[in-house]
Amino acid sequence: MSGNGWRWERQLHGIIPPLISPLDVAGAPDAGAMAAVVDHVTGGGCTGLFMLGGCGEGAWLTSAQRGAVVRTAARAAADACRCWPG
């Protein structure tokens, strides 16, 4: 692509660390702990979040748990930047 169009070089840059997925005793995402992790890394200057990559837990969680982790992290990130639409 040329001009002002979408380009990988502009999208994939910065610091994007793999993050743990804090779960509660029932195996559901711990929203409070997730918000603390997201606030910590975004407050430190990270530009993205690599969910399900911190300890390899993505392979051990169910599909429902992985989806819940991603949704919870997205909400925490949106709350951190005050841009969540819902």
PDB file of N, CA and C in Angstrom:
ATOM      1  N   MET A   1       0.831  -1.186   0.000  1.00  0.00           N
ATOM      2  CA  MET A   1       0.000   0.000   0.000  1.00  0.00           C
ATOM      3  C   MET A   1       0.870   1.242   0.000  1.00  0.00           C
ATOM      4  N   SER A   2       0.371   2.238  -0.627  1.00  0.00           N
ATOM      5  CA  SER A   2       1.126   3.487  -0.641  1.00  0.00           C
ATOM      6  C   SER A   2       0.272   4.600  -0.045  1.00  0.00           C
ATOM      7  N   GLY A   3       0.864   5.729   0.109  1.00  0.00           N
ATOM      8  CA  GLY A   3       0.148   6.880   0.648  1.00  0.00           C
ATOM      9  C   GLY A   3      -0.139   6.740   2.125  1.00  0.00           C
ATOM     10  N   ASN A   4      -1.324   7.161   2.527  1.00  0.00           N
ATOM     11  CA  ASN A   4      -1.709   7.155   3.937  1.00  0.00           C
ATOM     12  C   ASN A   4      -2.482   5.904   4.339  1.00  0.00           C
ATOM     13  N   GLY A   5      -2.460   4.861   3.519  1.00  0.00           N
ATOM     14  CA  GLY A   5      -3.200   3.641   3.825  1.00  0.00           C
ATOM     15  C   GLY A   5      -2.602   2.868   4.989  1.00  0.00           C
ATOM     16  N   TRP A   6      -3.302   1.824   5.355  1.00  0.00           N
ATOM     17  CA  TRP A   6      -2.886   0.953   6.461  1.00  0.00           C
ATOM     18  C   TRP A   6      -1.589   0.241   6.111  1.00  0.00           C
ATOM     19  N   ARG A   7      -0.637   0.183   7.054  1.00  0.00           N
ATOM     20  CA  ARG A   7       0.635  -0.505   6.837  1.00  0.00           C
ATOM     21  C   ARG A   7       1.052  -1.214   8.113  1.00  0.00           C
ATOM     22  N   TRP A   8       1.580  -2.424   7.985  1.00  0.00           N
ATOM     23  CA  TRP A   8       2.048  -3.185   9.137  1.00  0.00           C
ATOM     24  C   TRP A   8       3.078  -2.414   9.941  1.00  0.00           C
ATOM     25  N   GLU A   9       3.968  -1.722   9.270  1.00  0.00           N
ATOM     26  CA  GLU A   9       5.041  -1.014   9.964  1.00  0.00           C
ATOM     27  C   GLU A   9       4.498   0.018  10.940  1.00  0.00           C
ATOM     28  N   ARG A  10       3.366   0.602  10.612  1.00  0.00           N
ATOM     29  CA  ARG A  10       2.772   1.603  11.502  1.00  0.00           C
ATOM     30  C   ARG A  10       1.942   0.956  12.602  1.00  0.00           C
ATOM     31  N   GLN A  11       1.427  -0.222  12.366  1.00  0.00           N
ATOM     32  CA  GLN A  11       0.567  -0.879  13.337  1.00  0.00           C
ATOM     33  C   GLN A  11       1.340  -1.670  14.376  1.00  0.00           C
ATOM     34  N   LEU A  12       2.385  -2.351  13.964  1.00  0.00           N
ATOM     35  CA  LEU A  12       3.141  -3.219  14.862  1.00  0.00           C
ATOM     36  C   LEU A  12       4.432  -2.532  15.288  1.00  0.00           C
ATOM     37  N   HIS A  13       4.320  -1.746  16.329  1.00  0.00           N
ATOM     38  CA  HIS A  13       5.496  -1.061  16.845  1.00  0.00           C
ATOM     39  C   HIS A  13       5.301  -0.801  18.335  1.00  0.00           C
ATOM     40  N   GLY A  14       6.355  -0.482  18.998  1.00  0.00           N
ATOM     41  CA  GLY A  14       6.271  -0.171  20.415  1.00  0.00           C
ATOM     42  C   GLY A  14       6.574  -1.379  21.289  1.00  0.00           C
ATOM     43  N   ILE A  15       6.099  -1.331  22.510  1.00  0.00           N
ATOM     44  CA  ILE A  15       6.344  -2.391  23.489  1.00  0.00           C
ATOM     45  C   ILE A  15       5.034  -3.128  23.728  1.00  0.00           C
ATOM     46  N   ILE A  16       5.028  -4.442  23.427  1.00  0.00           N
ATOM     47  CA  ILE A  16       3.839  -5.266  23.581  1.00  0.00           C
ATOM     48  C   ILE A  16       4.245  -6.526  24.346  1.00  0.00           C
ATOM     49  N   PRO A  17       4.190  -6.465  25.686  1.00  0.00           N
ATOM     50  CA  PRO A  17       4.662  -7.597  26.485  1.00  0.00           C
ATOM     51  C   PRO A  17       3.624  -8.712  26.611  1.00  0.00           C
ATOM     52  N   PRO A  18       4.071  -9.963  26.704  1.00  0.00           N
ATOM     53  CA  PRO A  18       3.130 -11.038  27.012  1.00  0.00           C
ATOM     54  C   PRO A  18       2.680 -10.901  28.464  1.00  0.00           C
ATOM     55  N   LEU A  19       1.393 -11.069  28.702  1.00  0.00           N
ATOM     56  CA  LEU A  19       0.839 -10.868  30.035  1.00  0.00           C
ATOM     57  C   LEU A  19       0.228 -12.142  30.601  1.00  0.00           C
ATOM     58  N   ILE A  20       0.293 -12.262  31.922  1.00  0.00           N
ATOM     59  CA  ILE A  20      -0.385 -13.356  32.589  1.00  0.00           C
ATOM     60  C   ILE A  20      -1.889 -13.120  32.528  1.00  0.00           C
ATOM     61  N   SER A  21      -2.644 -14.160  32.787  1.00  0.00           N
ATOM     62  CA  SER A  21      -4.101 -14.072  32.795  1.00  0.00           C
ATOM     63  C   SER A  21      -4.594 -14.397  34.198  1.00  0.00           C
ATOM     64  N   PRO A  22      -4.763 -13.397  35.050  1.00  0.00           N
ATOM     65  CA  PRO A  22      -5.190 -13.679  36.427  1.00  0.00           C
ATOM     66  C   PRO A  22      -6.606 -14.247  36.452  1.00  0.00           C
ATOM     67  N   LEU A  23      -6.751 -15.397  37.111  1.00  0.00           N
ATOM     68  CA  LEU A  23      -8.044 -16.064  37.228  1.00  0.00           C
ATOM     69  C   LEU A  23      -8.432 -16.157  38.695  1.00  0.00           C
ATOM     70  N   ASP A  24      -9.730 -16.221  38.939  1.00  0.00           N
ATOM     71  CA  ASP A  24     -10.195 -16.422  40.315  1.00  0.00           C
ATOM     72  C   ASP A  24     -10.231 -17.924  40.614  1.00  0.00           C
ATOM     73  N   VAL A  25     -10.677 -18.296  41.809  1.00  0.00           N
ATOM     74  CA  VAL A  25     -10.658 -19.705  42.203  1.00  0.00           C
ATOM     75  C   VAL A  25     -11.581 -20.566  41.345  1.00  0.00           C
ATOM     76  N   ALA A  26     -12.575 -19.956  40.708  1.00  0.00           N
ATOM     77  CA  ALA A  26     -13.497 -20.689  39.842  1.00  0.00           C
ATOM     78  C   ALA A  26     -12.963 -20.820  38.414  1.00  0.00           C
ATOM     79  N   GLY A  27     -11.825 -20.185  38.122  1.00  0.00           N
ATOM     80  CA  GLY A  27     -11.249 -20.247  36.782  1.00  0.00           C
ATOM     81  C   GLY A  27     -11.726 -19.160  35.846  1.00  0.00           C
ATOM     82  N   ALA A  28     -12.460 -18.190  36.368  1.00  0.00           N
ATOM     83  CA  ALA A  28     -12.909 -17.047  35.565  1.00  0.00           C
ATOM     84  C   ALA A  28     -11.885 -15.921  35.684  1.00  0.00           C
ATOM     85  N   PRO A  29     -11.804 -15.059  34.680  1.00  0.00           N
ATOM     86  CA  PRO A  29     -10.878 -13.927  34.774  1.00  0.00           C
ATOM     87  C   PRO A  29     -11.191 -13.065  35.991  1.00  0.00           C
ATOM     88  N   ASP A  30     -10.160 -12.679  36.706  1.00  0.00           N
ATOM     89  CA  ASP A  30     -10.286 -11.798  37.867  1.00  0.00           C
ATOM     90  C   ASP A  30     -10.186 -10.368  37.345  1.00  0.00           C
ATOM     91  N   ALA A  31     -11.346  -9.713  37.219  1.00  0.00           N
ATOM     92  CA  ALA A  31     -11.385  -8.383  36.595  1.00  0.00           C
ATOM     93  C   ALA A  31     -10.523  -7.367  37.334  1.00  0.00           C
ATOM     94  N   GLY A  32     -10.524  -7.406  38.652  1.00  0.00           N
ATOM     95  CA  GLY A  32      -9.719  -6.462  39.425  1.00  0.00           C
ATOM     96  C   GLY A  32      -8.235  -6.664  39.213  1.00  0.00           C
ATOM     97  N   ALA A  33      -7.815  -7.916  39.235  1.00  0.00           N
ATOM     98  CA  ALA A  33      -6.401  -8.216  39.015  1.00  0.00           C
ATOM     99  C   ALA A  33      -5.997  -7.896  37.578  1.00  0.00           C
ATOM    100  N   MET A  34      -6.887  -8.178  36.629  1.00  0.00           N
ATOM    101  CA  MET A  34      -6.599  -7.872  35.227  1.00  0.00           C
ATOM    102  C   MET A  34      -6.444  -6.367  35.045  1.00  0.00           C
ATOM    103  N   ALA A  35      -7.321  -5.588  35.683  1.00  0.00           N
ATOM    104  CA  ALA A  35      -7.216  -4.131  35.582  1.00  0.00           C
ATOM    105  C   ALA A  35      -5.897  -3.646  36.160  1.00  0.00           C
ATOM    106  N   ALA A  36      -5.458  -4.246  37.262  1.00  0.00           N
ATOM    107  CA  ALA A  36      -4.183  -3.851  37.863  1.00  0.00           C
ATOM    108  C   ALA A  36      -3.015  -4.155  36.934  1.00  0.00           C
ATOM    109  N   VAL A  37      -3.040  -5.321  36.280  1.00  0.00           N
ATOM    110  CA  VAL A  37      -1.965  -5.691  35.342  1.00  0.00           C
ATOM    111  C   VAL A  37      -1.962  -4.732  34.159  1.00  0.00           C
ATOM    112  N   VAL A  38      -3.138  -4.494  33.582  1.00  0.00           N
ATOM    113  CA  VAL A  38      -3.244  -3.603  32.419  1.00  0.00           C
ATOM    114  C   VAL A  38      -2.817  -2.180  32.792  1.00  0.00           C
ATOM    115  N   ASP A  39      -3.273  -1.690  33.921  1.00  0.00           N
ATOM    116  CA  ASP A  39      -2.874  -0.345  34.362  1.00  0.00           C
ATOM    117  C   ASP A  39      -1.362  -0.252  34.546  1.00  0.00           C
ATOM    118  N   HIS A  40      -0.785  -1.303  35.111  1.00  0.00           N
ATOM    119  CA  HIS A  40       0.661  -1.308  35.351  1.00  0.00           C
ATOM    120  C   HIS A  40       1.452  -1.226  34.046  1.00  0.00           C
ATOM    121  N   VAL A  41       1.111  -2.077  33.081  1.00  0.00           N
ATOM    122  CA  VAL A  41       1.910  -2.100  31.852  1.00  0.00           C
ATOM    123  C   VAL A  41       1.627  -0.889  30.961  1.00  0.00           C
ATOM    124  N   THR A  42       0.371  -0.449  30.894  1.00  0.00           N
ATOM    125  CA  THR A  42       0.108   0.738  30.076  1.00  0.00           C
ATOM    126  C   THR A  42       0.659   1.992  30.742  1.00  0.00           C
ATOM    127  N   GLY A  43       0.617   2.021  32.073  1.00  0.00           N
ATOM    128  CA  GLY A  43       1.192   3.145  32.804  1.00  0.00           C
ATOM    129  C   GLY A  43       2.700   3.220  32.659  1.00  0.00           C
ATOM    130  N   GLY A  44       3.319   2.075  32.381  1.00  0.00           N
ATOM    131  CA  GLY A  44       4.760   2.033  32.190  1.00  0.00           C
ATOM    132  C   GLY A  44       5.193   2.336  30.769  1.00  0.00           C
ATOM    133  N   GLY A  45       4.232   2.610  29.890  1.00  0.00           N
ATOM    134  CA  GLY A  45       4.579   3.005  28.529  1.00  0.00           C
ATOM    135  C   GLY A  45       4.381   1.946  27.469  1.00  0.00           C
ATOM    136  N   CYS A  46       3.823   0.793  27.826  1.00  0.00           N
ATOM    137  CA  CYS A  46       3.582  -0.236  26.815  1.00  0.00           C
ATOM    138  C   CYS A  46       2.496   0.225  25.859  1.00  0.00           C
ATOM    139  N   THR A  47       2.630  -0.166  24.611  1.00  0.00           N
ATOM    140  CA  THR A  47       1.707   0.291  23.584  1.00  0.00           C
ATOM    141  C   THR A  47       0.706  -0.761  23.144  1.00  0.00           C
ATOM    142  N   GLY A  48       0.810  -1.953  23.696  1.00  0.00           N
ATOM    143  CA  GLY A  48      -0.119  -3.024  23.352  1.00  0.00           C
ATOM    144  C   GLY A  48      -0.102  -4.100  24.412  1.00  0.00           C
ATOM    145  N   LEU A  49      -1.055  -5.034  24.314  1.00  0.00           N
ATOM    146  CA  LEU A  49      -1.175  -6.124  25.272  1.00  0.00           C
ATOM    147  C   LEU A  49      -1.170  -7.453  24.526  1.00  0.00           C
ATOM    148  N   PHE A  50      -0.293  -8.351  24.921  1.00  0.00           N
ATOM    149  CA  PHE A  50      -0.221  -9.682  24.329  1.00  0.00           C
ATOM    150  C   PHE A  50      -0.854 -10.635  25.345  1.00  0.00           C
ATOM    151  N   MET A  51      -2.158 -10.806  25.232  1.00  0.00           N
ATOM    152  CA  MET A  51      -2.892 -11.616  26.194  1.00  0.00           C
ATOM    153  C   MET A  51      -2.674 -13.104  25.932  1.00  0.00           C
ATOM    154  N   LEU A  52      -2.813 -13.887  26.992  1.00  0.00           N
ATOM    155  CA  LEU A  52      -2.687 -15.351  26.960  1.00  0.00           C
ATOM    156  C   LEU A  52      -1.279 -15.791  26.606  1.00  0.00           C
ATOM    157  N   GLY A  53      -0.304 -14.959  26.860  1.00  0.00           N
ATOM    158  CA  GLY A  53       1.053 -15.303  26.467  1.00  0.00           C
ATOM    159  C   GLY A  53       2.060 -15.287  27.595  1.00  0.00           C
ATOM    160  N   GLY A  54       1.646 -14.951  28.796  1.00  0.00           N
ATOM    161  CA  GLY A  54       2.599 -14.769  29.879  1.00  0.00           C
ATOM    162  C   GLY A  54       3.243 -16.041  30.381  1.00  0.00           C
ATOM    163  N   CYS A  55       2.453 -17.066  30.561  1.00  0.00           N
ATOM    164  CA  CYS A  55       2.972 -18.323  31.121  1.00  0.00           C
ATOM    165  C   CYS A  55       2.546 -19.514  30.275  1.00  0.00           C
ATOM    166  N   GLY A  56       2.127 -19.271  29.061  1.00  0.00           N
ATOM    167  CA  GLY A  56       1.657 -20.336  28.196  1.00  0.00           C
ATOM    168  C   GLY A  56       0.281 -20.849  28.579  1.00  0.00           C
ATOM    169  N   GLU A  57      -0.451 -20.049  29.373  1.00  0.00           N
ATOM    170  CA  GLU A  57      -1.744 -20.508  29.849  1.00  0.00           C
ATOM    171  C   GLU A  57      -2.783 -20.619  28.750  1.00  0.00           C
ATOM    172  N   GLY A  58      -2.562 -19.961  27.634  1.00  0.00           N
ATOM    173  CA  GLY A  58      -3.517 -20.033  26.530  1.00  0.00           C
ATOM    174  C   GLY A  58      -3.802 -21.447  26.082  1.00  0.00           C
ATOM    175  N   ALA A  59      -2.804 -22.297  26.122  1.00  0.00           N
ATOM    176  CA  ALA A  59      -2.981 -23.688  25.706  1.00  0.00           C
ATOM    177  C   ALA A  59      -3.726 -24.511  26.746  1.00  0.00           C
ATOM    178  N   TRP A  60      -3.760 -24.060  27.976  1.00  0.00           N
ATOM    179  CA  TRP A  60      -4.370 -24.823  29.067  1.00  0.00           C
ATOM    180  C   TRP A  60      -5.776 -24.374  29.404  1.00  0.00           C
ATOM    181  N   LEU A  61      -6.166 -23.213  28.939  1.00  0.00           N
ATOM    182  CA  LEU A  61      -7.506 -22.709  29.230  1.00  0.00           C
ATOM    183  C   LEU A  61      -8.501 -23.194  28.185  1.00  0.00           C
ATOM    184  N   THR A  62      -9.761 -23.274  28.575  1.00  0.00           N
ATOM    185  CA  THR A  62     -10.805 -23.639  27.625  1.00  0.00           C
ATOM    186  C   THR A  62     -11.044 -22.471  26.666  1.00  0.00           C
ATOM    187  N   SER A  63     -11.751 -22.741  25.608  1.00  0.00           N
ATOM    188  CA  SER A  63     -12.093 -21.689  24.650  1.00  0.00           C
ATOM    189  C   SER A  63     -12.895 -20.582  25.337  1.00  0.00           C
ATOM    190  N   ALA A  64     -13.816 -20.970  26.199  1.00  0.00           N
ATOM    191  CA  ALA A  64     -14.624 -19.981  26.922  1.00  0.00           C
ATOM    192  C   ALA A  64     -13.760 -19.130  27.848  1.00  0.00           C
ATOM    193  N   GLN A  65     -12.803 -19.766  28.523  1.00  0.00           N
ATOM    194  CA  GLN A  65     -11.915 -19.011  29.407  1.00  0.00           C
ATOM    195  C   GLN A  65     -11.046 -18.048  28.602  1.00  0.00           C
ATOM    196  N   ARG A  66     -10.506 -18.500  27.467  1.00  0.00           N
ATOM    197  CA  ARG A  66      -9.674 -17.615  26.644  1.00  0.00           C
ATOM    198  C   ARG A  66     -10.477 -16.409  26.165  1.00  0.00           C
ATOM    199  N   GLY A  67     -11.698 -16.643  25.716  1.00  0.00           N
ATOM    200  CA  GLY A  67     -12.543 -15.537  25.277  1.00  0.00           C
ATOM    201  C   GLY A  67     -12.826 -14.561  26.405  1.00  0.00           C
ATOM    202  N   ALA A  68     -13.102 -15.104  27.581  1.00  0.00           N
ATOM    203  CA  ALA A  68     -13.386 -14.250  28.741  1.00  0.00           C
ATOM    204  C   ALA A  68     -12.160 -13.443  29.136  1.00  0.00           C
ATOM    205  N   VAL A  69     -10.977 -14.041  29.057  1.00  0.00           N
ATOM    206  CA  VAL A  69      -9.744 -13.326  29.377  1.00  0.00           C
ATOM    207  C   VAL A  69      -9.554 -12.157  28.415  1.00  0.00           C
ATOM    208  N   VAL A  70      -9.737 -12.403  27.136  1.00  0.00           N
ATOM    209  CA  VAL A  70      -9.545 -11.346  26.142  1.00  0.00           C
ATOM    210  C   VAL A  70     -10.574 -10.232  26.333  1.00  0.00           C
ATOM    211  N   ARG A  71     -11.834 -10.595  26.561  1.00  0.00           N
ATOM    212  CA  ARG A  71     -12.867  -9.563  26.790  1.00  0.00           C
ATOM    213  C   ARG A  71     -12.576  -8.754  28.049  1.00  0.00           C
ATOM    214  N   THR A  72     -12.164  -9.427  29.108  1.00  0.00           N
ATOM    215  CA  THR A  72     -11.860  -8.728  30.360  1.00  0.00           C
ATOM    216  C   THR A  72     -10.669  -7.797  30.189  1.00  0.00           C
ATOM    217  N   ALA A  73      -9.654  -8.253  29.476  1.00  0.00           N
ATOM    218  CA  ALA A  73      -8.479  -7.408  29.230  1.00  0.00           C
ATOM    219  C   ALA A  73      -8.849  -6.211  28.354  1.00  0.00           C
ATOM    220  N   ALA A  74      -9.694  -6.438  27.353  1.00  0.00           N
ATOM    221  CA  ALA A  74     -10.121  -5.333  26.480  1.00  0.00           C
ATOM    222  C   ALA A  74     -10.888  -4.284  27.279  1.00  0.00           C
ATOM    223  N   ARG A  75     -11.756  -4.740  28.183  1.00  0.00           N
ATOM    224  CA  ARG A  75     -12.495  -3.788  29.031  1.00  0.00           C
ATOM    225  C   ARG A  75     -11.541  -3.020  29.943  1.00  0.00           C
ATOM    226  N   ALA A  76     -10.593  -3.730  30.521  1.00  0.00           N
ATOM    227  CA  ALA A  76      -9.622  -3.071  31.414  1.00  0.00           C
ATOM    228  C   ALA A  76      -8.804  -2.043  30.645  1.00  0.00           C
ATOM    229  N   ALA A  77      -8.390  -2.391  29.427  1.00  0.00           N
ATOM    230  CA  ALA A  77      -7.602  -1.453  28.619  1.00  0.00           C
ATOM    231  C   ALA A  77      -8.445  -0.249  28.214  1.00  0.00           C
ATOM    232  N   ALA A  78      -9.687  -0.503  27.840  1.00  0.00           N
ATOM    233  CA  ALA A  78     -10.568   0.602  27.459  1.00  0.00           C
ATOM    234  C   ALA A  78     -10.851   1.506  28.648  1.00  0.00           C
ATOM    235  N   ASP A  79     -11.050   0.908  29.821  1.00  0.00           N
ATOM    236  CA  ASP A  79     -11.265   1.720  31.018  1.00  0.00           C
ATOM    237  C   ASP A  79     -10.021   2.548  31.342  1.00  0.00           C
ATOM    238  N   ALA A  80      -8.852   1.958  31.105  1.00  0.00           N
ATOM    239  CA  ALA A  80      -7.600   2.674  31.387  1.00  0.00           C
ATOM    240  C   ALA A  80      -7.465   3.906  30.492  1.00  0.00           C
ATOM    241  N   CYS A  81      -7.999   3.813  29.257  1.00  0.00           N
ATOM    242  CA  CYS A  81      -7.912   4.980  28.355  1.00  0.00           C
ATOM    243  C   CYS A  81      -9.247   5.692  28.234  1.00  0.00           C
ATOM    244  N   ARG A  82     -10.228   5.259  29.024  1.00  0.00           N
ATOM    245  CA  ARG A  82     -11.579   5.853  29.041  1.00  0.00           C
ATOM    246  C   ARG A  82     -12.212   5.881  27.650  1.00  0.00           C
ATOM    247  N   CYS A  83     -12.099   4.739  26.941  1.00  0.00           N
ATOM    248  CA  CYS A  83     -12.666   4.730  25.591  1.00  0.00           C
ATOM    249  C   CYS A  83     -13.606   3.545  25.348  1.00  0.00           C
ATOM    250  N   TRP A  84     -14.023   2.846  26.398  1.00  0.00           N
ATOM    251  CA  TRP A  84     -14.924   1.705  26.230  1.00  0.00           C
ATOM    252  C   TRP A  84     -16.311   2.212  25.835  1.00  0.00           C
ATOM    253  N   PRO A  85     -16.861   1.710  24.725  1.00  0.00           N
ATOM    254  CA  PRO A  85     -18.145   2.228  24.253  1.00  0.00           C
ATOM    255  C   PRO A  85     -19.349   1.739  25.036  1.00  0.00           C
ATOM    256  N   GLY A  86     -19.185   0.649  25.781  1.00  0.00           N
ATOM    257  CA  GLY A  86     -20.377   0.071  26.408  1.00  0.00           C
ATOM    258  C   GLY A  86     -20.449   0.137  27.880  1.00  0.00           C
TER     259      GLY A  86
END
